[in-house]
């Protein structure tokens, strides 16, 4: 798709920072949503959502796990951090 260039001006009629809200909006046929791949994956796999620009890759975004730092985190915090690291590793 390398031929797509330029900018398009638009006035959004709906805006949110909630991925589930954006997905619901798109599934309802109300518009287009830009969400992270893993958020839309179930609907993409079922064909309920489609990629509009499959040849365009988005930039990678950092993921931060924020927690109160202790010298020895609790077993629960450690288990959650390990789970997140494993889960994120499967996204690639």
PDB file of N, CA and C in Angstrom:
ATOM      1  N   UNK A   1       0.813  -1.202   0.000  1.00  0.00           N
ATOM      2  CA  UNK A   1       0.000   0.000   0.000  1.00  0.00           C
ATOM      3  C   UNK A   1       0.846   1.251   0.000  1.00  0.00           C
ATOM      4  N   UNK A   2       2.077   1.184  -0.247  1.00  0.00           N
ATOM      5  CA  UNK A   2       2.975   2.291  -0.091  1.00  0.00           C
ATOM      6  C   UNK A   2       2.546   3.586  -0.734  1.00  0.00           C
ATOM      7  N   UNK A   3       1.508   3.590  -1.595  1.00  0.00           N
ATOM      8  CA  UNK A   3       1.109   4.796  -2.289  1.00  0.00           C
ATOM      9  C   UNK A   3       0.232   5.734  -1.484  1.00  0.00           C
ATOM     10  N   UNK A   4      -0.224   5.331  -0.306  1.00  0.00           N
ATOM     11  CA  UNK A   4      -1.076   6.202   0.495  1.00  0.00           C
ATOM     12  C   UNK A   4      -0.231   7.265   1.173  1.00  0.00           C
ATOM     13  N   UNK A   5      -0.561   8.515   0.897  1.00  0.00           N
ATOM     14  CA  UNK A   5       0.159   9.612   1.519  1.00  0.00           C
ATOM     15  C   UNK A   5      -0.810  10.750   1.756  1.00  0.00           C
ATOM     16  N   UNK A   6      -0.409  11.665   2.600  1.00  0.00           N
ATOM     17  CA  UNK A   6      -1.220  12.837   2.843  1.00  0.00           C
ATOM     18  C   UNK A   6      -2.019  12.711   4.126  1.00  0.00           C
ATOM     19  N   UNK A   7      -2.805  13.732   4.367  1.00  0.00           N
ATOM     20  CA  UNK A   7      -3.607  13.785   5.584  1.00  0.00           C
ATOM     21  C   UNK A   7      -5.052  14.029   5.224  1.00  0.00           C
ATOM     22  N   UNK A   8      -5.916  13.542   6.053  1.00  0.00           N
ATOM     23  CA  UNK A   8      -7.347  13.741   5.882  1.00  0.00           C
ATOM     24  C   UNK A   8      -7.857  14.486   7.102  1.00  0.00           C
ATOM     25  N   UNK A   9      -8.529  15.590   6.887  1.00  0.00           N
ATOM     26  CA  UNK A   9      -9.123  16.324   8.001  1.00  0.00           C
ATOM     27  C   UNK A   9     -10.511  15.755   8.255  1.00  0.00           C
ATOM     28  N   UNK A  10     -10.848  15.603   9.506  1.00  0.00           N
ATOM     29  CA  UNK A  10     -12.161  15.102   9.868  1.00  0.00           C
ATOM     30  C   UNK A  10     -12.557  15.681  11.213  1.00  0.00           C
ATOM     31  N   UNK A  11     -13.834  15.654  11.480  1.00  0.00           N
ATOM     32  CA  UNK A  11     -14.353  16.121  12.756  1.00  0.00           C
ATOM     33  C   UNK A  11     -15.044  14.936  13.412  1.00  0.00           C
ATOM     34  N   UNK A  12     -14.406  14.321  14.430  1.00  0.00           N
ATOM     35  CA  UNK A  12     -15.012  13.149  15.046  1.00  0.00           C
ATOM     36  C   UNK A  12     -16.318  13.501  15.761  1.00  0.00           C
ATOM     37  N   UNK A  13     -17.270  12.581  15.677  1.00  0.00           N
ATOM     38  CA  UNK A  13     -18.540  12.797  16.368  1.00  0.00           C
ATOM     39  C   UNK A  13     -18.567  12.031  17.684  1.00  0.00           C
ATOM     40  N   UNK A  14     -17.588  11.173  17.898  1.00  0.00           N
ATOM     41  CA  UNK A  14     -17.509  10.384  19.123  1.00  0.00           C
ATOM     42  C   UNK A  14     -16.045  10.175  19.453  1.00  0.00           C
ATOM     43  N   UNK A  15     -15.694  10.352  20.704  1.00  0.00           N
ATOM     44  CA  UNK A  15     -14.309  10.169  21.114  1.00  0.00           C
ATOM     45  C   UNK A  15     -14.278   9.591  22.521  1.00  0.00           C
ATOM     46  N   UNK A  16     -13.409   8.622  22.741  1.00  0.00           N
ATOM     47  CA  UNK A  16     -13.248   8.031  24.062  1.00  0.00           C
ATOM     48  C   UNK A  16     -11.860   7.435  24.168  1.00  0.00           C
ATOM     49  N   UNK A  17     -11.392   7.231  25.390  1.00  0.00           N
ATOM     50  CA  UNK A  17     -10.122   6.553  25.589  1.00  0.00           C
ATOM     51  C   UNK A  17     -10.355   5.128  26.095  1.00  0.00           C
ATOM     52  N   UNK A  18     -11.580   4.626  25.929  1.00  0.00           N
ATOM     53  CA  UNK A  18     -11.955   3.290  26.375  1.00  0.00           C
ATOM     54  C   UNK A  18     -12.035   2.358  25.176  1.00  0.00           C
ATOM     55  N   UNK A  19     -11.143   1.373  25.120  1.00  0.00           N
ATOM     56  CA  UNK A  19     -11.086   0.475  23.963  1.00  0.00           C
ATOM     57  C   UNK A  19     -12.389  -0.288  23.774  1.00  0.00           C
ATOM     58  N   UNK A  20     -13.001  -0.738  24.859  1.00  0.00           N
ATOM     59  CA  UNK A  20     -14.258  -1.477  24.727  1.00  0.00           C
ATOM     60  C   UNK A  20     -15.346  -0.593  24.133  1.00  0.00           C
ATOM     61  N   UNK A  21     -15.368   0.670  24.510  1.00  0.00           N
ATOM     62  CA  UNK A  21     -16.340   1.603  23.935  1.00  0.00           C
ATOM     63  C   UNK A  21     -16.123   1.792  22.445  1.00  0.00           C
ATOM     64  N   UNK A  22     -14.871   1.910  22.030  1.00  0.00           N
ATOM     65  CA  UNK A  22     -14.559   2.056  20.612  1.00  0.00           C
ATOM     66  C   UNK A  22     -14.947   0.806  19.822  1.00  0.00           C
ATOM     67  N   UNK A  23     -14.653  -0.362  20.391  1.00  0.00           N
ATOM     68  CA  UNK A  23     -14.995  -1.613  19.715  1.00  0.00           C
ATOM     69  C   UNK A  23     -16.505  -1.741  19.596  1.00  0.00           C
ATOM     70  N   UNK A  24     -17.229  -1.419  20.656  1.00  0.00           N
ATOM     71  CA  UNK A  24     -18.694  -1.469  20.606  1.00  0.00           C
ATOM     72  C   UNK A  24     -19.228  -0.530  19.519  1.00  0.00           C
ATOM     73  N   UNK A  25     -18.665   0.648  19.444  1.00  0.00           N
ATOM     74  CA  UNK A  25     -19.062   1.639  18.443  1.00  0.00           C
ATOM     75  C   UNK A  25     -18.847   1.095  17.035  1.00  0.00           C
ATOM     76  N   UNK A  26     -17.692   0.486  16.799  1.00  0.00           N
ATOM     77  CA  UNK A  26     -17.389  -0.077  15.475  1.00  0.00           C
ATOM     78  C   UNK A  26     -18.295  -1.271  15.171  1.00  0.00           C
ATOM     79  N   UNK A  27     -18.504  -2.145  16.155  1.00  0.00           N
ATOM     80  CA  UNK A  27     -19.371  -3.316  15.946  1.00  0.00           C
ATOM     81  C   UNK A  27     -20.810  -2.907  15.646  1.00  0.00           C
ATOM     82  N   UNK A  28     -21.222  -1.759  16.155  1.00  0.00           N
ATOM     83  CA  UNK A  28     -22.575  -1.247  15.915  1.00  0.00           C
ATOM     84  C   UNK A  28     -22.701  -0.575  14.554  1.00  0.00           C
ATOM     85  N   UNK A  29     -21.587  -0.516  13.820  1.00  0.00           N
ATOM     86  CA  UNK A  29     -21.617   0.116  12.507  1.00  0.00           C
ATOM     87  C   UNK A  29     -21.650   1.627  12.565  1.00  0.00           C
ATOM     88  N   UNK A  30     -21.224   2.187  13.686  1.00  0.00           N
ATOM     89  CA  UNK A  30     -21.297   3.627  13.885  1.00  0.00           C
ATOM     90  C   UNK A  30     -20.040   4.363  13.456  1.00  0.00           C
ATOM     91  N   UNK A  31     -18.969   3.624  13.149  1.00  0.00           N
ATOM     92  CA  UNK A  31     -17.753   4.323  12.759  1.00  0.00           C
ATOM     93  C   UNK A  31     -16.552   3.407  12.705  1.00  0.00           C
ATOM     94  N   UNK A  32     -15.401   4.013  12.692  1.00  0.00           N
ATOM     95  CA  UNK A  32     -14.118   3.342  12.578  1.00  0.00           C
ATOM     96  C   UNK A  32     -13.397   3.519  13.914  1.00  0.00           C
ATOM     97  N   UNK A  33     -12.681   2.484  14.344  1.00  0.00           N
ATOM     98  CA  UNK A  33     -11.955   2.562  15.612  1.00  0.00           C
ATOM     99  C   UNK A  33     -10.497   2.197  15.400  1.00  0.00           C
ATOM    100  N   UNK A  34      -9.631   2.854  16.130  1.00  0.00           N
ATOM    101  CA  UNK A  34      -8.220   2.492  16.147  1.00  0.00           C
ATOM    102  C   UNK A  34      -7.918   1.972  17.548  1.00  0.00           C
ATOM    103  N   UNK A  35      -7.702   0.662  17.645  1.00  0.00           N
ATOM    104  CA  UNK A  35      -7.422   0.025  18.934  1.00  0.00           C
ATOM    105  C   UNK A  35      -6.224  -0.898  18.783  1.00  0.00           C
ATOM    106  N   UNK A  36      -5.669  -1.317  19.889  1.00  0.00           N
ATOM    107  CA  UNK A  36      -4.552  -2.246  19.861  1.00  0.00           C
ATOM    108  C   UNK A  36      -5.018  -3.600  19.338  1.00  0.00           C
ATOM    109  N   UNK A  37      -4.125  -4.297  18.641  1.00  0.00           N
ATOM    110  CA  UNK A  37      -4.461  -5.586  18.024  1.00  0.00           C
ATOM    111  C   UNK A  37      -5.114  -6.551  18.989  1.00  0.00           C
ATOM    112  N   UNK A  38      -4.532  -6.703  20.182  1.00  0.00           N
ATOM    113  CA  UNK A  38      -5.059  -7.716  21.090  1.00  0.00           C
ATOM    114  C   UNK A  38      -6.457  -7.367  21.599  1.00  0.00           C
ATOM    115  N   UNK A  39      -6.821  -6.071  21.581  1.00  0.00           N
ATOM    116  CA  UNK A  39      -8.160  -5.682  22.010  1.00  0.00           C
ATOM    117  C   UNK A  39      -9.222  -6.118  21.005  1.00  0.00           C
ATOM    118  N   UNK A  40      -8.886  -6.082  19.735  1.00  0.00           N
ATOM    119  CA  UNK A  40      -9.847  -6.398  18.681  1.00  0.00           C
ATOM    120  C   UNK A  40      -9.739  -7.822  18.166  1.00  0.00           C
ATOM    121  N   UNK A  41      -8.725  -8.560  18.590  1.00  0.00           N
ATOM    122  CA  UNK A  41      -8.445  -9.889  18.032  1.00  0.00           C
ATOM    123  C   UNK A  41      -9.661 -10.814  17.974  1.00  0.00           C
ATOM    124  N   UNK A  42     -10.466 -10.954  19.037  1.00  0.00           N
ATOM    125  CA  UNK A  42     -11.599 -11.892  18.951  1.00  0.00           C
ATOM    126  C   UNK A  42     -12.575 -11.549  17.819  1.00  0.00           C
ATOM    127  N   UNK A  43     -12.839 -10.282  17.612  1.00  0.00           N
ATOM    128  CA  UNK A  43     -13.784  -9.860  16.570  1.00  0.00           C
ATOM    129  C   UNK A  43     -13.151  -9.915  15.185  1.00  0.00           C
ATOM    130  N   UNK A  44     -11.849  -9.692  15.110  1.00  0.00           N
ATOM    131  CA  UNK A  44     -11.147  -9.837  13.837  1.00  0.00           C
ATOM    132  C   UNK A  44     -11.162 -11.298  13.397  1.00  0.00           C
ATOM    133  N   UNK A  45     -10.907 -12.204  14.348  1.00  0.00           N
ATOM    134  CA  UNK A  45     -10.885 -13.632  14.018  1.00  0.00           C
ATOM    135  C   UNK A  45     -12.258 -14.145  13.586  1.00  0.00           C
ATOM    136  N   UNK A  46     -13.326 -13.587  14.159  1.00  0.00           N
ATOM    137  CA  UNK A  46     -14.695 -14.000  13.787  1.00  0.00           C
ATOM    138  C   UNK A  46     -15.192 -13.280  12.536  1.00  0.00           C
ATOM    139  N   UNK A  47     -14.433 -12.296  12.056  1.00  0.00           N
ATOM    140  CA  UNK A  47     -14.843 -11.551  10.871  1.00  0.00           C
ATOM    141  C   UNK A  47     -15.861 -10.463  11.162  1.00  0.00           C
ATOM    142  N   UNK A  48     -16.086 -10.175  12.431  1.00  0.00           N
ATOM    143  CA  UNK A  48     -17.040  -9.127  12.799  1.00  0.00           C
ATOM    144  C   UNK A  48     -16.434  -7.738  12.645  1.00  0.00           C
ATOM    145  N   UNK A  49     -15.116  -7.655  12.712  1.00  0.00           N
ATOM    146  CA  UNK A  49     -14.382  -6.429  12.416  1.00  0.00           C
ATOM    147  C   UNK A  49     -13.357  -6.761  11.339  1.00  0.00           C
ATOM    148  N   UNK A  50     -12.999  -5.769  10.540  1.00  0.00           N
ATOM    149  CA  UNK A  50     -11.976  -5.948   9.512  1.00  0.00           C
ATOM    150  C   UNK A  50     -10.920  -4.864   9.659  1.00  0.00           C
ATOM    151  N   UNK A  51      -9.718  -5.179   9.215  1.00  0.00           N
ATOM    152  CA  UNK A  51      -8.639  -4.187   9.202  1.00  0.00           C
ATOM    153  C   UNK A  51      -8.836  -3.325   7.959  1.00  0.00           C
ATOM    154  N   UNK A  52      -8.864  -2.036   8.144  1.00  0.00           N
ATOM    155  CA  UNK A  52      -9.044  -1.133   7.008  1.00  0.00           C
ATOM    156  C   UNK A  52      -7.748  -0.897   6.255  1.00  0.00           C
ATOM    157  N   UNK A  53      -6.650  -0.883   6.945  1.00  0.00           N
ATOM    158  CA  UNK A  53      -5.347  -0.625   6.324  1.00  0.00           C
ATOM    159  C   UNK A  53      -4.377  -1.726   6.745  1.00  0.00           C
ATOM    160  N   UNK A  54      -4.555  -2.948   6.215  1.00  0.00           N
ATOM    161  CA  UNK A  54      -3.728  -4.063   6.669  1.00  0.00           C
ATOM    162  C   UNK A  54      -2.245  -3.902   6.376  1.00  0.00           C
ATOM    163  N   UNK A  55      -1.874  -3.128   5.393  1.00  0.00           N
ATOM    164  CA  UNK A  55      -0.467  -2.946   5.058  1.00  0.00           C
ATOM    165  C   UNK A  55       0.228  -1.879   5.877  1.00  0.00           C
ATOM    166  N   UNK A  56      -0.522  -1.164   6.692  1.00  0.00           N
ATOM    167  CA  UNK A  56       0.045  -0.079   7.490  1.00  0.00           C
ATOM    168  C   UNK A  56       0.299  -0.594   8.900  1.00  0.00           C
ATOM    169  N   UNK A  57       1.538  -0.497   9.338  1.00  0.00           N
ATOM    170  CA  UNK A  57       1.854  -0.933  10.699  1.00  0.00           C
ATOM    171  C   UNK A  57       1.864   0.268  11.627  1.00  0.00           C
ATOM    172  N   UNK A  58       1.397   0.038  12.812  1.00  0.00           N
ATOM    173  CA  UNK A  58       1.375   1.095  13.815  1.00  0.00           C
ATOM    174  C   UNK A  58       2.653   1.009  14.639  1.00  0.00           C
ATOM    175  N   UNK A  59       2.983   2.096  15.279  1.00  0.00           N
ATOM    176  CA  UNK A  59       4.164   2.091  16.133  1.00  0.00           C
ATOM    177  C   UNK A  59       3.904   1.233  17.370  1.00  0.00           C
ATOM    178  N   UNK A  60       4.959   0.644  17.893  1.00  0.00           N
ATOM    179  CA  UNK A  60       4.851  -0.106  19.136  1.00  0.00           C
ATOM    180  C   UNK A  60       4.670   0.868  20.289  1.00  0.00           C
ATOM    181  N   UNK A  61       3.804   0.515  21.218  1.00  0.00           N
ATOM    182  CA  UNK A  61       3.562   1.349  22.382  1.00  0.00           C
ATOM    183  C   UNK A  61       4.123   0.653  23.612  1.00  0.00           C
ATOM    184  N   UNK A  62       4.707   1.417  24.520  1.00  0.00           N
ATOM    185  CA  UNK A  62       5.234   0.794  25.731  1.00  0.00           C
ATOM    186  C   UNK A  62       4.100   0.345  26.642  1.00  0.00           C
ATOM    187  N   UNK A  63       4.354  -0.692  27.409  1.00  0.00           N
ATOM    188  CA  UNK A  63       3.407  -1.175  28.407  1.00  0.00           C
ATOM    189  C   UNK A  63       4.071  -1.033  29.762  1.00  0.00           C
ATOM    190  N   UNK A  64       3.391  -0.387  30.694  1.00  0.00           N
ATOM    191  CA  UNK A  64       3.950  -0.166  32.019  1.00  0.00           C
ATOM    192  C   UNK A  64       3.089  -0.860  33.063  1.00  0.00           C
ATOM    193  N   UNK A  65       3.717  -1.607  33.937  1.00  0.00           N
ATOM    194  CA  UNK A  65       3.050  -2.185  35.096  1.00  0.00           C
ATOM    195  C   UNK A  65       3.487  -1.345  36.294  1.00  0.00           C
ATOM    196  N   UNK A  66       2.543  -0.660  36.896  1.00  0.00           N
ATOM    197  CA  UNK A  66       2.864   0.254  37.984  1.00  0.00           C
ATOM    198  C   UNK A  66       2.355  -0.340  39.295  1.00  0.00           C
ATOM    199  N   UNK A  67       3.229  -0.436  40.257  1.00  0.00           N
ATOM    200  CA  UNK A  67       2.852  -0.963  41.563  1.00  0.00           C
ATOM    201  C   UNK A  67       3.764  -0.343  42.615  1.00  0.00           C
ATOM    202  N   UNK A  68       3.329  -0.418  43.858  1.00  0.00           N
ATOM    203  CA  UNK A  68       4.140   0.120  44.948  1.00  0.00           C
ATOM    204  C   UNK A  68       5.370  -0.768  45.115  1.00  0.00           C
ATOM    205  N   UNK A  69       6.513  -0.184  44.962  1.00  0.00           N
ATOM    206  CA  UNK A  69       7.760  -0.957  45.016  1.00  0.00           C
ATOM    207  C   UNK A  69       8.126  -1.265  46.469  1.00  0.00           C
ATOM    208  N   UNK A  70       8.366  -2.528  46.700  1.00  0.00           N
ATOM    209  CA  UNK A  70       8.821  -2.983  48.007  1.00  0.00           C
ATOM    210  C   UNK A  70      10.065  -3.839  47.792  1.00  0.00           C
ATOM    211  N   UNK A  71      10.880  -3.924  48.809  1.00  0.00           N
ATOM    212  CA  UNK A  71      12.087  -4.736  48.686  1.00  0.00           C
ATOM    213  C   UNK A  71      11.727  -6.181  48.358  1.00  0.00           C
ATOM    214  N   UNK A  72      10.649  -6.674  48.955  1.00  0.00           N
ATOM    215  CA  UNK A  72      10.182  -8.033  48.713  1.00  0.00           C
ATOM    216  C   UNK A  72       8.689  -7.970  48.376  1.00  0.00           C
ATOM    217  N   UNK A  73       8.325  -7.905  47.069  1.00  0.00           N
ATOM    218  CA  UNK A  73       6.903  -7.832  46.719  1.00  0.00           C
ATOM    219  C   UNK A  73       6.156  -9.076  47.201  1.00  0.00           C
ATOM    220  N   UNK A  74       4.886  -8.908  47.514  1.00  0.00           N
ATOM    221  CA  UNK A  74       4.079 -10.025  47.991  1.00  0.00           C
ATOM    222  C   UNK A  74       3.982 -11.098  46.909  1.00  0.00           C
ATOM    223  N   UNK A  75       3.604 -12.289  47.320  1.00  0.00           N
ATOM    224  CA  UNK A  75       3.455 -13.396  46.372  1.00  0.00           C
ATOM    225  C   UNK A  75       2.386 -13.054  45.337  1.00  0.00           C
ATOM    226  N   UNK A  76       1.358 -12.348  45.743  1.00  0.00           N
ATOM    227  CA  UNK A  76       0.285 -11.971  44.818  1.00  0.00           C
ATOM    228  C   UNK A  76       0.798 -11.012  43.745  1.00  0.00           C
ATOM    229  N   UNK A  77       1.543 -10.000  44.154  1.00  0.00           N
ATOM    230  CA  UNK A  77       2.111  -9.034  43.195  1.00  0.00           C
ATOM    231  C   UNK A  77       3.088  -9.754  42.265  1.00  0.00           C
ATOM    232  N   UNK A  78       3.940 -10.584  42.818  1.00  0.00           N
ATOM    233  CA  UNK A  78       4.915 -11.315  42.002  1.00  0.00           C
ATOM    234  C   UNK A  78       4.214 -12.222  40.983  1.00  0.00           C
ATOM    235  N   UNK A  79       3.154 -12.917  41.421  1.00  0.00           N
ATOM    236  CA  UNK A  79       2.411 -13.802  40.525  1.00  0.00           C
ATOM    237  C   UNK A  79       1.760 -12.994  39.405  1.00  0.00           C
ATOM    238  N   UNK A  80       1.216 -11.816  39.739  1.00  0.00           N
ATOM    239  CA  UNK A  80       0.581 -10.981  38.719  1.00  0.00           C
ATOM    240  C   UNK A  80       1.612 -10.471  37.714  1.00  0.00           C
ATOM    241  N   UNK A  81       2.749 -10.026  38.194  1.00  0.00           N
ATOM    242  CA  UNK A  81       3.803  -9.557  37.292  1.00  0.00           C
ATOM    243  C   UNK A  81       4.273 -10.682  36.369  1.00  0.00           C
ATOM    244  N   UNK A  82       4.461 -11.872  36.924  1.00  0.00           N
ATOM    245  CA  UNK A  82       4.871 -13.018  36.103  1.00  0.00           C
ATOM    246  C   UNK A  82       3.817 -13.344  35.057  1.00  0.00           C
ATOM    247  N   UNK A  83       2.535 -13.308  35.460  1.00  0.00           N
ATOM    248  CA  UNK A  83       1.441 -13.556  34.521  1.00  0.00           C
ATOM    249  C   UNK A  83       1.472 -12.544  33.378  1.00  0.00           C
ATOM    250  N   UNK A  84       1.631 -11.266  33.717  1.00  0.00           N
ATOM    251  CA  UNK A  84       1.647 -10.217  32.690  1.00  0.00           C
ATOM    252  C   UNK A  84       2.816 -10.400  31.728  1.00  0.00           C
ATOM    253  N   UNK A  85       3.975 -10.712  32.260  1.00  0.00           N
ATOM    254  CA  UNK A  85       5.140 -10.925  31.396  1.00  0.00           C
ATOM    255  C   UNK A  85       4.909 -12.093  30.443  1.00  0.00           C
ATOM    256  N   UNK A  86       4.322 -13.163  30.930  1.00  0.00           N
ATOM    257  CA  UNK A  86       4.032 -14.315  30.072  1.00  0.00           C
ATOM    258  C   UNK A  86       2.984 -13.956  29.025  1.00  0.00           C
ATOM    259  N   UNK A  87       1.937 -13.250  29.449  1.00  0.00           N
ATOM    260  CA  UNK A  87       0.843 -12.876  28.550  1.00  0.00           C
ATOM    261  C   UNK A  87       1.346 -11.955  27.441  1.00  0.00           C
ATOM    262  N   UNK A  88       2.140 -10.963  27.806  1.00  0.00           N
ATOM    263  CA  UNK A  88       2.671 -10.031  26.801  1.00  0.00           C
ATOM    264  C   UNK A  88       3.595 -10.762  25.849  1.00  0.00           C
ATOM    265  N   UNK A  89       4.355 -11.730  26.346  1.00  0.00           N
ATOM    266  CA  UNK A  89       5.240 -12.506  25.486  1.00  0.00           C
ATOM    267  C   UNK A  89       4.486 -13.260  24.422  1.00  0.00           C
ATOM    268  N   UNK A  90       3.254 -13.670  24.698  1.00  0.00           N
ATOM    269  CA  UNK A  90       2.432 -14.403  23.736  1.00  0.00           C
ATOM    270  C   UNK A  90       1.813 -13.486  22.679  1.00  0.00           C
ATOM    271  N   UNK A  91       1.792 -12.183  22.912  1.00  0.00           N
ATOM    272  CA  UNK A  91       1.171 -11.244  21.963  1.00  0.00           C
ATOM    273  C   UNK A  91       1.987 -11.110  20.694  1.00  0.00           C
ATOM    274  N   UNK A  92       3.276 -11.319  20.784  1.00  0.00           N
ATOM    275  CA  UNK A  92       4.140 -11.165  19.605  1.00  0.00           C
ATOM    276  C   UNK A  92       4.025 -12.385  18.792  1.00  0.00           C
TER     277      UNK A  92
END
